[in-house]
Amino acid sequence: MAGDKTTSPIAGESGERARMGHHLLFMRKFFQHRRKIASIWPSSGFMARACISKIDFNQAKLIVELGAGTGAITQEIIQRLRRGTRFICIERDADFLRVLRTRFKAPIDGGVSIVQGDVKSLTEILQNADVAEKQVDAFVSGLGTPSLPDEAIDGIFNALRWGARPGAVFSNITEVPWYYWNFYRRHFAKVDFQLVPLNIPPGGVYHCWQPLAP
């Protein structure tokens, strides 16, 4: 029935051993790619739920996640998806991609896509996934966006201007509360910051609306 939740798509690895393996992989990748990953440790449930707190899952038809890592935010999104909602999860790193594809399977209606790609080509990635202009209801990001190379930042914000519906939200986690406020204010007409103290380390989420012209 339209509007019903999907069946649970979480499968594959489970248990404390798998979670610790994901955590150690995430830490290794952080030290390898410091500027590209927003955290040294996978997001806590508190952080993941804060990141998706501005999404209206009853109304959203298309959600896009950038830099999914080992899937902390991905899991929270998938558990809330309604039938008829598409979710495109994008990850560049091949090791993270293997973890994501092991942890999650598509629900019956095929609404979940786990895609390998670099955000510098985000508009092209979305177009290749049959996304049309102004179709995305929400973007969520686990990337260290302000610290990315210029071509990656341009790729993200060009895709937001191209793909975001009016009123769409862009939510990006951070481990440095309020530090990047001016960065996001340069790119969006409206910015809110949500503090998440119960995270390791304490951090928060920038929720942003109305991407501005470059």
N, C-alpha and C. Protein backbone atom coordinates (compact mmCIF):
# COMPACT_ATOMS: atom_id res chain seq x y z
N MET A 1 0.85 -1.19 0.00
CA MET A 1 0.00 0.00 0.00
C MET A 1 0.88 1.23 0.00
N ALA A 2 0.53 2.22 -0.83
CA ALA A 2 1.32 3.45 -0.88
C ALA A 2 1.32 4.10 0.48
N GLY A 3 2.49 4.59 0.89
CA GLY A 3 2.62 5.22 2.18
C GLY A 3 3.07 4.28 3.27
N ASP A 4 2.95 2.96 3.05
CA ASP A 4 3.46 2.01 4.04
C ASP A 4 4.98 2.06 4.07
N LYS A 5 5.54 1.69 5.22
CA LYS A 5 6.99 1.57 5.30
C LYS A 5 7.45 0.38 4.47
N THR A 6 8.70 0.46 4.01
CA THR A 6 9.29 -0.68 3.32
C THR A 6 9.56 -1.79 4.32
N THR A 7 9.72 -3.01 3.81
CA THR A 7 10.21 -4.07 4.68
C THR A 7 11.64 -3.76 5.06
N SER A 8 12.09 -4.30 6.19
CA SER A 8 13.43 -3.99 6.67
C SER A 8 14.48 -4.43 5.68
N PRO A 9 15.34 -3.50 5.20
CA PRO A 9 16.35 -3.86 4.23
C PRO A 9 17.70 -4.14 4.85
N ILE A 10 17.77 -4.24 6.16
CA ILE A 10 19.05 -4.41 6.82
C ILE A 10 19.37 -5.90 6.88
N ALA A 11 20.51 -6.26 6.34
CA ALA A 11 20.89 -7.67 6.29
C ALA A 11 22.39 -7.78 6.36
N GLY A 12 22.89 -9.04 6.31
CA GLY A 12 24.34 -9.23 6.26
C GLY A 12 24.96 -9.16 7.63
N GLU A 13 26.08 -8.43 7.72
CA GLU A 13 26.84 -8.39 8.96
C GLU A 13 26.04 -7.82 10.11
N SER A 14 26.19 -8.38 11.27
CA SER A 14 25.54 -7.85 12.45
C SER A 14 26.38 -8.22 13.66
N GLY A 15 26.04 -7.65 14.80
CA GLY A 15 26.72 -7.99 16.02
C GLY A 15 27.90 -7.08 16.32
N GLU A 16 28.43 -7.25 17.54
CA GLU A 16 29.47 -6.36 18.04
C GLU A 16 30.76 -6.47 17.22
N ARG A 17 31.11 -7.67 16.79
CA ARG A 17 32.35 -7.84 16.03
C ARG A 17 32.30 -7.07 14.72
N ALA A 18 31.17 -7.16 14.02
CA ALA A 18 31.03 -6.42 12.76
C ALA A 18 31.07 -4.93 13.00
N ARG A 19 30.37 -4.46 14.05
CA ARG A 19 30.36 -3.02 14.34
C ARG A 19 31.76 -2.51 14.66
N MET A 20 32.53 -3.27 15.44
CA MET A 20 33.89 -2.84 15.75
C MET A 20 34.75 -2.82 14.50
N GLY A 21 34.57 -3.79 13.62
CA GLY A 21 35.30 -3.78 12.36
C GLY A 21 34.98 -2.55 11.54
N HIS A 22 33.70 -2.14 11.51
CA HIS A 22 33.32 -0.93 10.78
C HIS A 22 33.96 0.30 11.41
N HIS A 23 33.96 0.35 12.74
CA HIS A 23 34.55 1.50 13.44
C HIS A 23 36.04 1.63 13.13
N LEU A 24 36.76 0.51 13.16
CA LEU A 24 38.20 0.54 12.91
C LEU A 24 38.50 0.91 11.46
N LEU A 25 37.67 0.42 10.53
CA LEU A 25 37.83 0.81 9.13
C LEU A 25 37.61 2.31 8.98
N PHE A 26 36.58 2.83 9.63
CA PHE A 26 36.28 4.26 9.55
C PHE A 26 37.44 5.10 10.08
N MET A 27 38.02 4.68 11.20
CA MET A 27 39.15 5.41 11.78
C MET A 27 40.35 5.40 10.83
N ARG A 28 40.61 4.25 10.23
CA ARG A 28 41.73 4.15 9.29
C ARG A 28 41.51 5.09 8.09
N LYS A 29 40.29 5.13 7.60
CA LYS A 29 39.99 5.99 6.46
C LYS A 29 40.08 7.47 6.84
N PHE A 30 39.72 7.80 8.08
CA PHE A 30 39.82 9.19 8.52
C PHE A 30 41.27 9.66 8.47
N PHE A 31 42.18 8.85 8.97
CA PHE A 31 43.59 9.25 8.97
C PHE A 31 44.17 9.23 7.55
N GLN A 32 43.57 8.44 6.68
CA GLN A 32 44.03 8.38 5.29
C GLN A 32 43.51 9.56 4.46
N HIS A 33 42.27 9.99 4.75
CA HIS A 33 41.61 11.02 3.93
C HIS A 33 41.10 12.17 4.78
N ARG A 34 41.81 12.61 5.76
CA ARG A 34 41.33 13.54 6.79
C ARG A 34 40.36 14.61 6.28
N ARG A 35 40.70 15.29 5.21
CA ARG A 35 39.91 16.44 4.76
C ARG A 35 38.57 16.03 4.17
N LYS A 36 38.42 14.76 3.82
CA LYS A 36 37.22 14.34 3.10
C LYS A 36 36.18 13.67 3.99
N ILE A 37 36.53 13.36 5.23
CA ILE A 37 35.62 12.66 6.13
C ILE A 37 35.37 13.55 7.34
N ALA A 38 34.10 13.70 7.71
CA ALA A 38 33.74 14.68 8.74
C ALA A 38 34.05 14.21 10.15
N SER A 39 34.34 12.93 10.35
CA SER A 39 34.47 12.39 11.70
C SER A 39 35.54 11.30 11.74
N ILE A 40 36.14 11.13 12.92
CA ILE A 40 37.12 10.06 13.11
C ILE A 40 36.42 8.73 13.40
N TRP A 41 35.15 8.77 13.73
CA TRP A 41 34.39 7.60 14.18
C TRP A 41 33.02 7.66 13.54
N PRO A 42 32.41 6.54 13.21
CA PRO A 42 31.07 6.59 12.63
C PRO A 42 30.10 7.37 13.51
N SER A 43 29.14 8.02 12.89
CA SER A 43 28.17 8.81 13.63
C SER A 43 27.41 7.95 14.63
N SER A 44 27.16 8.51 15.80
CA SER A 44 26.31 7.83 16.78
C SER A 44 24.87 7.86 16.29
N GLY A 45 24.03 7.06 16.95
CA GLY A 45 22.61 7.13 16.63
C GLY A 45 22.05 8.52 16.85
N PHE A 46 22.54 9.22 17.89
CA PHE A 46 22.07 10.58 18.16
C PHE A 46 22.39 11.50 16.97
N MET A 47 23.62 11.40 16.47
CA MET A 47 24.03 12.25 15.35
C MET A 47 23.26 11.89 14.08
N ALA A 48 23.14 10.58 13.81
CA ALA A 48 22.44 10.15 12.61
C ALA A 48 20.99 10.61 12.62
N ARG A 49 20.32 10.49 13.76
CA ARG A 49 18.93 10.91 13.84
C ARG A 49 18.80 12.42 13.74
N ALA A 50 19.77 13.16 14.29
CA ALA A 50 19.74 14.62 14.13
C ALA A 50 19.91 15.01 12.67
N CYS A 51 20.75 14.28 11.95
CA CYS A 51 21.02 14.60 10.55
C CYS A 51 19.77 14.48 9.69
N ILE A 52 18.88 13.55 10.03
CA ILE A 52 17.68 13.35 9.21
C ILE A 52 16.44 13.99 9.82
N SER A 53 16.63 14.78 10.87
CA SER A 53 15.48 15.28 11.63
C SER A 53 14.63 16.29 10.86
N LYS A 54 15.16 16.88 9.81
CA LYS A 54 14.40 17.87 9.03
C LYS A 54 13.71 17.25 7.81
N ILE A 55 13.82 15.95 7.63
CA ILE A 55 13.20 15.30 6.47
C ILE A 55 11.78 14.88 6.84
N ASP A 56 10.83 15.24 6.00
CA ASP A 56 9.45 14.78 6.16
C ASP A 56 9.30 13.47 5.38
N PHE A 57 9.44 12.36 6.07
CA PHE A 57 9.43 11.06 5.40
C PHE A 57 8.05 10.70 4.85
N ASN A 58 7.01 11.35 5.32
CA ASN A 58 5.68 11.10 4.78
C ASN A 58 5.48 11.76 3.42
N GLN A 59 6.29 12.79 3.13
CA GLN A 59 6.12 13.54 1.89
C GLN A 59 7.28 13.37 0.91
N ALA A 60 8.47 13.08 1.41
CA ALA A 60 9.66 13.02 0.54
C ALA A 60 9.54 11.91 -0.49
N LYS A 61 9.90 12.23 -1.73
CA LYS A 61 9.90 11.26 -2.82
C LYS A 61 11.30 10.85 -3.24
N LEU A 62 12.31 11.69 -2.90
CA LEU A 62 13.69 11.37 -3.27
C LEU A 62 14.64 11.96 -2.25
N ILE A 63 15.47 11.10 -1.65
CA ILE A 63 16.47 11.49 -0.66
C ILE A 63 17.83 11.04 -1.17
N VAL A 64 18.85 11.89 -1.03
CA VAL A 64 20.20 11.59 -1.50
C VAL A 64 21.17 11.74 -0.32
N GLU A 65 22.00 10.72 -0.12
CA GLU A 65 23.03 10.78 0.91
C GLU A 65 24.40 10.82 0.26
N LEU A 66 25.25 11.72 0.76
CA LEU A 66 26.62 11.88 0.26
C LEU A 66 27.60 11.40 1.32
N GLY A 67 28.57 10.58 0.92
CA GLY A 67 29.59 10.12 1.85
C GLY A 67 29.01 9.25 2.94
N ALA A 68 28.44 8.11 2.56
CA ALA A 68 27.70 7.27 3.51
C ALA A 68 28.60 6.54 4.49
N GLY A 69 29.88 6.38 4.19
CA GLY A 69 30.79 5.68 5.10
C GLY A 69 30.35 4.25 5.33
N THR A 70 30.21 3.86 6.60
CA THR A 70 29.80 2.50 6.92
C THR A 70 28.30 2.39 7.17
N GLY A 71 27.55 3.49 7.01
CA GLY A 71 26.10 3.39 6.96
C GLY A 71 25.33 3.79 8.20
N ALA A 72 25.90 4.57 9.10
CA ALA A 72 25.17 4.97 10.31
C ALA A 72 23.92 5.78 9.96
N ILE A 73 24.09 6.80 9.11
CA ILE A 73 22.95 7.62 8.69
C ILE A 73 22.09 6.85 7.70
N THR A 74 22.73 6.08 6.84
CA THR A 74 22.02 5.26 5.86
C THR A 74 20.98 4.39 6.54
N GLN A 75 21.35 3.74 7.63
CA GLN A 75 20.44 2.84 8.34
C GLN A 75 19.23 3.59 8.86
N GLU A 76 19.45 4.79 9.43
CA GLU A 76 18.33 5.56 9.96
C GLU A 76 17.37 5.98 8.85
N ILE A 77 17.91 6.31 7.68
CA ILE A 77 17.05 6.69 6.55
C ILE A 77 16.24 5.49 6.08
N ILE A 78 16.90 4.37 5.86
CA ILE A 78 16.23 3.19 5.30
C ILE A 78 15.12 2.71 6.23
N GLN A 79 15.35 2.79 7.53
CA GLN A 79 14.33 2.34 8.47
C GLN A 79 13.07 3.19 8.42
N ARG A 80 13.17 4.41 7.88
CA ARG A 80 12.03 5.32 7.85
C ARG A 80 11.42 5.49 6.47
N LEU A 81 12.02 4.89 5.46
CA LEU A 81 11.52 5.07 4.09
C LEU A 81 10.09 4.57 3.95
N ARG A 82 9.31 5.31 3.16
CA ARG A 82 7.96 4.89 2.81
C ARG A 82 7.99 4.28 1.41
N ARG A 83 7.06 3.41 1.12
CA ARG A 83 6.97 2.87 -0.23
C ARG A 83 6.74 4.01 -1.21
N GLY A 84 7.45 3.94 -2.32
CA GLY A 84 7.35 4.99 -3.32
C GLY A 84 8.41 6.07 -3.18
N THR A 85 9.20 6.03 -2.10
CA THR A 85 10.28 7.00 -1.92
C THR A 85 11.59 6.39 -2.40
N ARG A 86 12.32 7.11 -3.23
CA ARG A 86 13.63 6.67 -3.68
C ARG A 86 14.70 7.20 -2.72
N PHE A 87 15.73 6.39 -2.53
CA PHE A 87 16.88 6.78 -1.73
C PHE A 87 18.14 6.41 -2.49
N ILE A 88 18.96 7.41 -2.80
CA ILE A 88 20.23 7.20 -3.50
C ILE A 88 21.36 7.49 -2.52
N CYS A 89 22.14 6.47 -2.24
CA CYS A 89 23.24 6.53 -1.28
C CYS A 89 24.55 6.51 -2.08
N ILE A 90 25.36 7.56 -1.94
CA ILE A 90 26.56 7.72 -2.77
C ILE A 90 27.81 7.64 -1.89
N GLU A 91 28.75 6.80 -2.28
CA GLU A 91 30.01 6.63 -1.56
C GLU A 91 31.13 6.42 -2.57
N ARG A 92 32.23 7.12 -2.38
CA ARG A 92 33.36 7.05 -3.31
C ARG A 92 34.30 5.89 -2.98
N ASP A 93 34.54 5.65 -1.69
CA ASP A 93 35.56 4.69 -1.25
C ASP A 93 35.09 3.25 -1.47
N ALA A 94 35.91 2.43 -2.11
CA ALA A 94 35.53 1.06 -2.44
C ALA A 94 35.35 0.19 -1.20
N ASP A 95 36.15 0.40 -0.15
CA ASP A 95 36.01 -0.39 1.08
C ASP A 95 34.69 -0.07 1.78
N PHE A 96 34.37 1.21 1.90
CA PHE A 96 33.08 1.60 2.48
C PHE A 96 31.93 1.05 1.64
N LEU A 97 32.08 1.08 0.33
CA LEU A 97 31.03 0.61 -0.55
C LEU A 97 30.73 -0.87 -0.30
N ARG A 98 31.78 -1.66 -0.10
CA ARG A 98 31.58 -3.09 0.18
C ARG A 98 30.81 -3.28 1.49
N VAL A 99 31.14 -2.48 2.50
CA VAL A 99 30.41 -2.58 3.77
C VAL A 99 28.94 -2.24 3.57
N LEU A 100 28.67 -1.15 2.84
CA LEU A 100 27.28 -0.73 2.62
C LEU A 100 26.48 -1.80 1.89
N ARG A 101 27.09 -2.39 0.87
CA ARG A 101 26.36 -3.38 0.08
C ARG A 101 26.19 -4.70 0.82
N THR A 102 27.03 -4.93 1.83
CA THR A 102 26.85 -6.10 2.68
C THR A 102 25.77 -5.85 3.72
N ARG A 103 25.75 -4.64 4.28
CA ARG A 103 24.80 -4.33 5.35
C ARG A 103 23.37 -4.18 4.86
N PHE A 104 23.19 -3.65 3.66
CA PHE A 104 21.85 -3.26 3.22
C PHE A 104 21.47 -3.94 1.92
N LYS A 105 20.21 -4.28 1.80
CA LYS A 105 19.68 -4.77 0.55
C LYS A 105 18.47 -3.92 0.18
N ALA A 106 18.14 -3.87 -1.10
CA ALA A 106 17.02 -3.06 -1.54
C ALA A 106 15.70 -3.65 -1.08
N PRO A 107 14.74 -2.81 -0.71
CA PRO A 107 13.42 -3.32 -0.39
C PRO A 107 12.71 -3.82 -1.64
N ILE A 108 11.50 -4.35 -1.48
CA ILE A 108 10.79 -5.00 -2.57
C ILE A 108 10.63 -4.09 -3.78
N ASP A 109 10.34 -2.81 -3.53
CA ASP A 109 10.07 -1.93 -4.66
C ASP A 109 11.33 -1.35 -5.29
N GLY A 110 12.50 -1.77 -4.82
CA GLY A 110 13.75 -1.32 -5.43
C GLY A 110 14.05 0.14 -5.23
N GLY A 111 13.57 0.72 -4.13
CA GLY A 111 13.74 2.15 -3.91
C GLY A 111 15.09 2.59 -3.44
N VAL A 112 15.98 1.66 -3.06
CA VAL A 112 17.29 2.01 -2.53
C VAL A 112 18.37 1.71 -3.56
N SER A 113 19.22 2.71 -3.83
CA SER A 113 20.36 2.52 -4.73
C SER A 113 21.63 2.92 -3.99
N ILE A 114 22.62 2.03 -3.96
CA ILE A 114 23.93 2.33 -3.38
C ILE A 114 24.90 2.47 -4.54
N VAL A 115 25.41 3.69 -4.72
CA VAL A 115 26.13 4.05 -5.93
C VAL A 115 27.55 4.47 -5.59
N GLN A 116 28.53 4.01 -6.36
CA GLN A 116 29.90 4.49 -6.19
C GLN A 116 30.10 5.72 -7.06
N GLY A 117 30.62 6.78 -6.46
CA GLY A 117 30.84 7.99 -7.23
C GLY A 117 31.49 9.07 -6.39
N ASP A 118 32.04 10.07 -7.07
CA ASP A 118 32.71 11.19 -6.44
C ASP A 118 31.80 12.41 -6.54
N VAL A 119 31.65 13.15 -5.44
CA VAL A 119 30.72 14.27 -5.43
C VAL A 119 31.11 15.39 -6.39
N LYS A 120 32.35 15.40 -6.86
CA LYS A 120 32.70 16.43 -7.85
C LYS A 120 31.88 16.25 -9.12
N SER A 121 31.33 15.04 -9.33
CA SER A 121 30.47 14.76 -10.49
C SER A 121 29.05 14.46 -10.04
N LEU A 122 28.59 15.12 -8.98
CA LEU A 122 27.32 14.75 -8.38
C LEU A 122 26.13 14.95 -9.33
N THR A 123 26.10 16.03 -10.07
CA THR A 123 24.99 16.23 -11.00
C THR A 123 24.93 15.10 -12.02
N GLU A 124 26.07 14.70 -12.55
CA GLU A 124 26.12 13.61 -13.52
C GLU A 124 25.68 12.29 -12.87
N ILE A 125 26.09 12.05 -11.63
CA ILE A 125 25.67 10.83 -10.93
C ILE A 125 24.15 10.78 -10.82
N LEU A 126 23.55 11.90 -10.45
CA LEU A 126 22.10 11.95 -10.30
C LEU A 126 21.40 11.77 -11.65
N GLN A 127 21.93 12.41 -12.68
CA GLN A 127 21.33 12.25 -14.00
C GLN A 127 21.42 10.81 -14.48
N ASN A 128 22.54 10.15 -14.21
CA ASN A 128 22.69 8.74 -14.60
C ASN A 128 21.74 7.83 -13.81
N ALA A 129 21.27 8.32 -12.66
CA ALA A 129 20.29 7.57 -11.87
C ALA A 129 18.86 7.96 -12.23
N ASP A 130 18.70 8.64 -13.35
CA ASP A 130 17.37 9.06 -13.85
C ASP A 130 16.69 10.06 -12.94
N VAL A 131 17.48 10.91 -12.32
CA VAL A 131 16.93 12.01 -11.54
C VAL A 131 16.82 13.23 -12.45
N ALA A 132 15.67 13.86 -12.44
CA ALA A 132 15.46 15.06 -13.25
C ALA A 132 15.69 16.31 -12.40
N GLU A 133 15.78 17.43 -13.05
CA GLU A 133 16.01 18.71 -12.38
C GLU A 133 14.91 18.99 -11.35
N LYS A 134 15.32 19.51 -10.18
CA LYS A 134 14.40 19.92 -9.12
C LYS A 134 13.54 18.77 -8.60
N GLN A 135 14.13 17.60 -8.41
CA GLN A 135 13.40 16.43 -7.91
C GLN A 135 13.78 16.02 -6.50
N VAL A 136 14.91 16.47 -5.98
CA VAL A 136 15.42 15.96 -4.70
C VAL A 136 14.80 16.72 -3.53
N ASP A 137 14.21 15.96 -2.60
CA ASP A 137 13.58 16.57 -1.42
C ASP A 137 14.56 16.82 -0.29
N ALA A 138 15.62 16.02 -0.19
CA ALA A 138 16.58 16.18 0.90
C ALA A 138 17.92 15.60 0.50
N PHE A 139 18.98 16.34 0.82
CA PHE A 139 20.36 15.86 0.73
C PHE A 139 20.90 15.77 2.16
N VAL A 140 21.55 14.66 2.50
CA VAL A 140 22.25 14.56 3.78
C VAL A 140 23.69 14.18 3.49
N SER A 141 24.60 14.67 4.32
CA SER A 141 26.03 14.49 4.03
C SER A 141 26.82 14.15 5.28
N GLY A 142 27.67 13.12 5.16
CA GLY A 142 28.64 12.79 6.18
C GLY A 142 30.03 13.24 5.82
N LEU A 143 30.14 14.05 4.78
CA LEU A 143 31.44 14.54 4.31
C LEU A 143 31.88 15.77 5.10
N GLY A 144 33.19 15.98 5.16
CA GLY A 144 33.73 17.21 5.71
C GLY A 144 33.68 18.29 4.64
N THR A 145 32.49 18.71 4.28
CA THR A 145 32.28 19.53 3.08
C THR A 145 33.14 20.79 3.03
N PRO A 146 33.22 21.60 4.10
CA PRO A 146 34.02 22.83 3.99
C PRO A 146 35.51 22.58 3.71
N SER A 147 36.01 21.38 4.04
CA SER A 147 37.42 21.08 3.86
C SER A 147 37.73 20.30 2.59
N LEU A 148 36.71 20.04 1.78
CA LEU A 148 36.93 19.31 0.54
C LEU A 148 37.67 20.17 -0.49
N PRO A 149 38.29 19.55 -1.48
CA PRO A 149 38.88 20.33 -2.58
C PRO A 149 37.80 21.16 -3.27
N ASP A 150 38.22 22.26 -3.88
CA ASP A 150 37.26 23.19 -4.50
C ASP A 150 36.37 22.50 -5.53
N GLU A 151 36.93 21.57 -6.31
CA GLU A 151 36.12 20.93 -7.35
C GLU A 151 35.02 20.06 -6.73
N ALA A 152 35.27 19.49 -5.56
CA ALA A 152 34.24 18.70 -4.89
C ALA A 152 33.17 19.61 -4.29
N ILE A 153 33.58 20.72 -3.67
CA ILE A 153 32.61 21.69 -3.14
C ILE A 153 31.74 22.22 -4.27
N ASP A 154 32.36 22.59 -5.38
CA ASP A 154 31.59 23.08 -6.54
C ASP A 154 30.63 22.01 -7.04
N GLY A 155 31.08 20.75 -7.07
CA GLY A 155 30.24 19.67 -7.53
C GLY A 155 29.00 19.50 -6.67
N ILE A 156 29.17 19.62 -5.35
CA ILE A 156 28.03 19.50 -4.43
C ILE A 156 27.05 20.64 -4.63
N PHE A 157 27.54 21.87 -4.61
CA PHE A 157 26.61 23.00 -4.64
C PHE A 157 26.00 23.22 -6.03
N ASN A 158 26.72 22.87 -7.08
CA ASN A 158 26.11 22.91 -8.41
C ASN A 158 24.96 21.90 -8.50
N ALA A 159 25.16 20.72 -7.91
CA ALA A 159 24.11 19.70 -7.92
C ALA A 159 22.92 20.12 -7.06
N LEU A 160 23.19 20.78 -5.93
CA LEU A 160 22.10 21.27 -5.11
C LEU A 160 21.25 22.29 -5.86
N ARG A 161 21.92 23.23 -6.53
CA ARG A 161 21.16 24.25 -7.28
C ARG A 161 20.38 23.62 -8.42
N TRP A 162 20.92 22.56 -9.01
CA TRP A 162 20.26 21.89 -10.12
C TRP A 162 19.14 20.97 -9.65
N GLY A 163 19.39 20.22 -8.58
CA GLY A 163 18.50 19.11 -8.25
C GLY A 163 17.53 19.33 -7.11
N ALA A 164 17.75 20.34 -6.24
CA ALA A 164 16.92 20.48 -5.05
C ALA A 164 15.57 21.10 -5.39
N ARG A 165 14.51 20.47 -4.88
CA ARG A 165 13.18 21.07 -4.99
C ARG A 165 13.12 22.34 -4.15
N PRO A 166 12.20 23.26 -4.44
CA PRO A 166 11.97 24.38 -3.51
C PRO A 166 11.63 23.86 -2.12
N GLY A 167 12.32 24.35 -1.12
CA GLY A 167 12.11 23.89 0.24
C GLY A 167 12.93 22.68 0.65
N ALA A 168 13.73 22.12 -0.27
CA ALA A 168 14.57 20.96 0.06
C ALA A 168 15.63 21.35 1.08
N VAL A 169 15.99 20.40 1.94
CA VAL A 169 16.99 20.65 2.97
C VAL A 169 18.30 19.95 2.61
N PHE A 170 19.42 20.59 2.99
CA PHE A 170 20.75 19.99 2.93
C PHE A 170 21.27 19.94 4.35
N SER A 171 21.54 18.73 4.87
CA SER A 171 21.98 18.56 6.25
C SER A 171 23.35 17.91 6.27
N ASN A 172 24.31 18.56 6.94
CA ASN A 172 25.70 18.09 6.94
C ASN A 172 26.21 18.00 8.38
N ILE A 173 26.72 16.82 8.75
CA ILE A 173 27.24 16.65 10.10
C ILE A 173 28.60 17.33 10.24
N THR A 174 28.97 17.61 11.48
CA THR A 174 30.27 18.20 11.78
C THR A 174 30.70 17.82 13.19
N GLU A 175 32.01 17.78 13.41
CA GLU A 175 32.54 17.59 14.76
C GLU A 175 33.04 18.90 15.36
N VAL A 176 32.83 20.00 14.65
CA VAL A 176 33.31 21.31 15.12
C VAL A 176 32.10 22.24 15.21
N PRO A 177 31.36 22.21 16.31
CA PRO A 177 30.13 23.00 16.41
C PRO A 177 30.33 24.48 16.10
N TRP A 178 29.50 25.00 15.20
CA TRP A 178 29.42 26.41 14.81
C TRP A 178 30.64 26.94 14.05
N TYR A 179 31.72 26.20 13.96
CA TYR A 179 32.95 26.72 13.36
C TYR A 179 32.76 27.10 11.90
N TYR A 180 31.94 26.32 11.18
CA TYR A 180 31.77 26.55 9.74
C TYR A 180 30.50 27.33 9.42
N TRP A 181 29.95 28.00 10.41
CA TRP A 181 28.72 28.75 10.20
C TRP A 181 28.83 29.70 9.01
N ASN A 182 29.89 30.47 8.91
CA ASN A 182 30.04 31.45 7.82
C ASN A 182 30.15 30.76 6.46
N PHE A 183 30.77 29.59 6.43
CA PHE A 183 30.86 28.84 5.17
C PHE A 183 29.47 28.53 4.65
N TYR A 184 28.62 27.97 5.51
CA TYR A 184 27.28 27.60 5.05
C TYR A 184 26.43 28.83 4.77
N ARG A 185 26.61 29.91 5.49
CA ARG A 185 25.85 31.13 5.22
C ARG A 185 26.21 31.75 3.88
N ARG A 186 27.42 31.48 3.41
CA ARG A 186 27.80 31.97 2.07
C ARG A 186 27.07 31.21 0.97
N HIS A 187 26.63 30.00 1.27
CA HIS A 187 26.06 29.13 0.24
C HIS A 187 24.55 28.95 0.32
N PHE A 188 23.93 29.37 1.43
CA PHE A 188 22.50 29.15 1.60
C PHE A 188 21.83 30.40 2.18
N ALA A 189 20.57 30.59 1.81
CA ALA A 189 19.82 31.72 2.34
C ALA A 189 19.43 31.51 3.80
N LYS A 190 19.23 30.25 4.20
CA LYS A 190 18.83 29.95 5.57
C LYS A 190 19.68 28.80 6.11
N VAL A 191 20.22 28.99 7.32
CA VAL A 191 21.05 27.97 7.96
C VAL A 191 20.67 27.86 9.43
N ASP A 192 20.45 26.65 9.90
CA ASP A 192 20.27 26.37 11.33
C ASP A 192 21.35 25.40 11.77
N PHE A 193 21.76 25.50 13.04
CA PHE A 193 22.71 24.54 13.57
C PHE A 193 22.07 23.78 14.73
N GLN A 194 22.17 22.45 14.70
CA GLN A 194 21.62 21.59 15.74
C GLN A 194 22.76 20.92 16.48
N LEU A 195 22.96 21.27 17.75
CA LEU A 195 24.02 20.70 18.56
C LEU A 195 23.67 19.26 18.95
N VAL A 196 24.66 18.37 18.85
CA VAL A 196 24.48 16.97 19.26
C VAL A 196 25.56 16.66 20.29
N PRO A 197 25.30 16.93 21.57
CA PRO A 197 26.33 16.71 22.60
C PRO A 197 26.61 15.25 22.87
N LEU A 198 25.61 14.37 22.64
CA LEU A 198 25.78 12.94 22.93
C LEU A 198 26.34 12.22 21.71
N ASN A 199 27.51 12.65 21.31
CA ASN A 199 28.24 12.04 20.20
C ASN A 199 29.70 11.99 20.61
N ILE A 200 30.49 11.14 19.97
CA ILE A 200 31.92 11.05 20.28
C ILE A 200 32.70 11.44 19.03
N PRO A 201 33.36 12.65 19.04
CA PRO A 201 33.22 13.71 20.02
C PRO A 201 31.92 14.47 19.82
N PRO A 202 31.55 15.37 20.77
CA PRO A 202 30.34 16.18 20.57
C PRO A 202 30.42 16.94 19.25
N GLY A 203 29.31 17.04 18.58
CA GLY A 203 29.28 17.71 17.28
C GLY A 203 27.92 18.28 17.00
N GLY A 204 27.52 18.25 15.74
CA GLY A 204 26.23 18.80 15.38
C GLY A 204 25.95 18.67 13.90
N VAL A 205 24.87 19.31 13.48
CA VAL A 205 24.42 19.24 12.10
C VAL A 205 24.05 20.63 11.61
N TYR A 206 24.57 20.99 10.45
CA TYR A 206 24.11 22.19 9.76
C TYR A 206 22.94 21.81 8.87
N HIS A 207 21.77 22.41 9.11
CA HIS A 207 20.60 22.23 8.26
C HIS A 207 20.45 23.50 7.42
N CYS A 208 20.42 23.32 6.10
CA CYS A 208 20.50 24.49 5.20
C CYS A 208 19.40 24.41 4.13
N TRP A 209 18.89 25.59 3.75
CA TRP A 209 17.85 25.67 2.74
C TRP A 209 18.19 26.78 1.74
N GLN A 210 17.64 26.67 0.54
CA GLN A 210 17.74 27.69 -0.50
C GLN A 210 19.19 27.98 -0.91
N PRO A 211 19.79 27.04 -1.67
CA PRO A 211 21.17 27.28 -2.14
C PRO A 211 21.26 28.55 -2.98
N LEU A 212 22.28 29.33 -2.72
CA LEU A 212 22.47 30.61 -3.40
C LEU A 212 23.26 30.45 -4.69
N ALA A 213 23.08 31.38 -5.60
CA ALA A 213 23.86 31.39 -6.83
C ALA A 213 25.33 31.62 -6.50
N PRO A 214 26.26 31.06 -7.30
CA PRO A 214 27.69 31.23 -7.01
C PRO A 214 28.13 32.69 -7.20
